């Protein structure tokens, strides 16, 4: 997996602790990893970053040889 195929978006859990949501590409799939056992609380800026990461991941998946 290339470094550009993984994105980390800062967020908070319900208790206000810093956490991360991670988006990465695995073969021909987009994987979203939330904080374990937690809810991710995202503000408008973080939602924008998550949206951009998901868009970039979908582009990476579309370029995967299996999908060509």
N, C-alpha and C. Protein backbone atom coordinates (compact mmCIF):
# COMPACT_ATOMS: atom_id res chain seq x y z
N UNK A 1 0.85 -1.17 0.00
CA UNK A 1 0.00 0.00 0.00
C UNK A 1 0.89 1.23 0.00
N UNK A 2 0.70 2.12 -0.93
CA UNK A 2 1.46 3.36 -0.98
C UNK A 2 0.97 4.31 0.09
N UNK A 3 1.87 5.19 0.54
CA UNK A 3 1.51 6.13 1.59
C UNK A 3 0.33 7.01 1.18
N UNK A 4 0.20 7.30 -0.10
CA UNK A 4 -0.88 8.17 -0.55
C UNK A 4 -2.23 7.48 -0.52
N UNK A 5 -2.23 6.17 -0.27
CA UNK A 5 -3.48 5.41 -0.23
C UNK A 5 -4.00 5.23 1.19
N UNK A 6 -3.54 6.10 2.11
CA UNK A 6 -4.03 6.07 3.49
C UNK A 6 -4.14 7.50 3.99
N UNK A 7 -5.29 7.81 4.61
CA UNK A 7 -5.56 9.15 5.11
C UNK A 7 -6.03 9.04 6.55
N UNK A 8 -5.60 9.98 7.38
CA UNK A 8 -6.02 10.01 8.78
C UNK A 8 -6.70 11.35 9.04
N UNK A 9 -7.88 11.30 9.63
CA UNK A 9 -8.66 12.50 9.90
C UNK A 9 -8.85 12.59 11.41
N UNK A 10 -8.39 13.69 11.98
CA UNK A 10 -8.55 13.89 13.41
C UNK A 10 -10.01 14.10 13.77
N UNK A 11 -10.39 13.61 14.93
CA UNK A 11 -11.75 13.79 15.42
C UNK A 11 -11.70 13.71 16.94
N UNK A 12 -12.84 13.69 17.56
CA UNK A 12 -12.96 13.51 19.01
C UNK A 12 -13.96 12.40 19.26
N UNK A 13 -13.83 11.76 20.41
CA UNK A 13 -14.86 10.80 20.80
C UNK A 13 -15.92 11.55 21.61
N UNK A 14 -16.93 10.85 22.08
CA UNK A 14 -18.01 11.51 22.81
C UNK A 14 -17.55 12.14 24.11
N UNK A 15 -16.41 11.68 24.65
CA UNK A 15 -15.85 12.26 25.88
C UNK A 15 -14.91 13.43 25.58
N UNK A 16 -14.73 13.75 24.31
CA UNK A 16 -13.90 14.88 23.93
C UNK A 16 -12.42 14.54 23.74
N UNK A 17 -12.06 13.27 23.84
CA UNK A 17 -10.66 12.87 23.65
C UNK A 17 -10.31 12.84 22.17
N UNK A 18 -9.08 13.20 21.86
CA UNK A 18 -8.63 13.17 20.46
C UNK A 18 -8.53 11.74 19.97
N UNK A 19 -9.07 11.51 18.79
CA UNK A 19 -9.03 10.21 18.13
C UNK A 19 -8.79 10.46 16.64
N UNK A 20 -8.72 9.39 15.86
CA UNK A 20 -8.56 9.49 14.42
C UNK A 20 -9.51 8.53 13.72
N UNK A 21 -10.01 8.96 12.58
CA UNK A 21 -10.70 8.09 11.64
C UNK A 21 -9.71 7.89 10.51
N UNK A 22 -9.53 6.65 10.09
CA UNK A 22 -8.57 6.35 9.03
C UNK A 22 -9.31 5.80 7.82
N UNK A 23 -8.91 6.26 6.66
CA UNK A 23 -9.44 5.77 5.38
C UNK A 23 -8.26 5.20 4.63
N UNK A 24 -8.41 3.96 4.13
CA UNK A 24 -7.35 3.43 3.29
C UNK A 24 -7.91 2.53 2.22
N UNK A 25 -7.07 2.24 1.24
CA UNK A 25 -7.43 1.41 0.11
C UNK A 25 -6.83 0.03 0.34
N UNK A 26 -7.65 -0.99 0.22
CA UNK A 26 -7.19 -2.38 0.32
C UNK A 26 -7.66 -3.10 -0.93
N UNK A 27 -6.72 -3.36 -1.81
CA UNK A 27 -7.02 -3.98 -3.09
C UNK A 27 -7.99 -3.08 -3.85
N UNK A 28 -9.23 -3.53 -4.02
CA UNK A 28 -10.19 -2.73 -4.79
C UNK A 28 -11.32 -2.22 -3.90
N UNK A 29 -11.05 -2.05 -2.62
CA UNK A 29 -12.06 -1.58 -1.67
C UNK A 29 -11.55 -0.37 -0.89
N UNK A 30 -12.48 0.46 -0.45
CA UNK A 30 -12.19 1.58 0.46
C UNK A 30 -12.56 1.12 1.87
N UNK A 31 -11.62 1.28 2.81
CA UNK A 31 -11.83 0.84 4.18
C UNK A 31 -11.86 2.07 5.08
N UNK A 32 -12.86 2.16 5.93
CA UNK A 32 -13.02 3.24 6.88
C UNK A 32 -12.89 2.65 8.28
N UNK A 33 -11.88 3.12 9.04
CA UNK A 33 -11.63 2.61 10.39
C UNK A 33 -11.94 3.72 11.38
N UNK A 34 -12.93 3.49 12.21
CA UNK A 34 -13.32 4.46 13.25
C UNK A 34 -12.59 4.10 14.55
N UNK A 35 -12.57 5.02 15.50
CA UNK A 35 -11.97 4.69 16.79
C UNK A 35 -12.65 3.46 17.38
N UNK A 36 -11.88 2.50 17.90
CA UNK A 36 -12.49 1.26 18.40
C UNK A 36 -13.47 1.50 19.54
N UNK A 37 -14.67 1.01 19.36
CA UNK A 37 -15.68 1.11 20.40
C UNK A 37 -16.17 2.52 20.68
N UNK A 38 -15.89 3.44 19.79
CA UNK A 38 -16.23 4.84 20.01
C UNK A 38 -17.08 5.39 18.87
N UNK A 39 -17.67 6.51 19.11
CA UNK A 39 -18.30 7.30 18.05
C UNK A 39 -17.32 8.41 17.68
N UNK A 40 -17.18 8.70 16.41
CA UNK A 40 -16.31 9.79 15.96
C UNK A 40 -17.14 11.05 15.85
N UNK A 41 -16.71 12.10 16.53
CA UNK A 41 -17.39 13.39 16.48
C UNK A 41 -16.55 14.32 15.61
N UNK A 42 -17.12 14.74 14.48
CA UNK A 42 -16.39 15.56 13.53
C UNK A 42 -17.04 16.93 13.39
N UNK A 43 -16.22 17.94 13.36
CA UNK A 43 -16.69 19.29 13.07
C UNK A 43 -16.71 19.50 11.57
N UNK A 44 -17.15 20.66 11.12
CA UNK A 44 -17.24 20.93 9.68
C UNK A 44 -15.92 20.74 8.94
N UNK A 45 -14.82 21.18 9.50
CA UNK A 45 -13.52 21.03 8.84
C UNK A 45 -13.14 19.56 8.71
N UNK A 46 -13.35 18.79 9.78
CA UNK A 46 -13.03 17.37 9.73
C UNK A 46 -13.93 16.62 8.76
N UNK A 47 -15.19 17.01 8.68
CA UNK A 47 -16.09 16.39 7.70
C UNK A 47 -15.57 16.64 6.29
N UNK A 48 -15.10 17.84 6.03
CA UNK A 48 -14.52 18.16 4.73
C UNK A 48 -13.30 17.31 4.44
N UNK A 49 -12.47 17.09 5.45
CA UNK A 49 -11.28 16.24 5.28
C UNK A 49 -11.67 14.79 5.04
N UNK A 50 -12.68 14.32 5.75
CA UNK A 50 -13.15 12.95 5.54
C UNK A 50 -13.71 12.80 4.12
N UNK A 51 -14.47 13.76 3.69
CA UNK A 51 -15.02 13.73 2.34
C UNK A 51 -13.91 13.68 1.30
N UNK A 52 -12.88 14.51 1.47
CA UNK A 52 -11.76 14.53 0.54
C UNK A 52 -11.00 13.20 0.55
N UNK A 53 -10.81 12.63 1.74
CA UNK A 53 -10.11 11.34 1.84
C UNK A 53 -10.90 10.24 1.15
N UNK A 54 -12.22 10.22 1.35
CA UNK A 54 -13.06 9.22 0.70
C UNK A 54 -13.03 9.39 -0.82
N UNK A 55 -13.07 10.63 -1.28
CA UNK A 55 -13.00 10.89 -2.72
C UNK A 55 -11.67 10.39 -3.29
N UNK A 56 -10.56 10.71 -2.61
CA UNK A 56 -9.25 10.28 -3.08
C UNK A 56 -9.12 8.76 -3.06
N UNK A 57 -9.70 8.12 -2.06
CA UNK A 57 -9.66 6.66 -1.97
C UNK A 57 -10.44 6.02 -3.11
N UNK A 58 -11.59 6.58 -3.44
CA UNK A 58 -12.39 6.05 -4.55
C UNK A 58 -11.62 6.20 -5.87
N UNK A 59 -10.93 7.31 -6.05
CA UNK A 59 -10.12 7.50 -7.25
C UNK A 59 -9.01 6.45 -7.29
N UNK A 60 -8.36 6.19 -6.16
CA UNK A 60 -7.30 5.18 -6.10
C UNK A 60 -7.85 3.79 -6.42
N UNK A 61 -9.03 3.47 -5.91
CA UNK A 61 -9.65 2.17 -6.20
C UNK A 61 -9.99 2.06 -7.68
N UNK A 62 -10.49 3.13 -8.26
CA UNK A 62 -10.86 3.11 -9.67
C UNK A 62 -9.65 2.87 -10.56
N UNK A 63 -8.47 3.26 -10.09
CA UNK A 63 -7.24 3.07 -10.87
C UNK A 63 -6.61 1.69 -10.63
N UNK A 64 -7.19 0.92 -9.71
CA UNK A 64 -6.68 -0.41 -9.41
C UNK A 64 -6.85 -1.29 -10.63
N UNK A 65 -5.85 -2.13 -10.95
CA UNK A 65 -5.93 -2.96 -12.17
C UNK A 65 -7.18 -3.85 -12.26
N UNK A 66 -7.72 -4.30 -11.14
CA UNK A 66 -8.91 -5.16 -11.15
C UNK A 66 -10.10 -4.41 -11.73
N UNK A 67 -10.16 -3.08 -11.54
CA UNK A 67 -11.30 -2.28 -11.97
C UNK A 67 -11.15 -1.69 -13.36
N UNK A 68 -10.06 -1.98 -14.03
CA UNK A 68 -9.86 -1.40 -15.36
C UNK A 68 -10.43 -2.26 -16.44
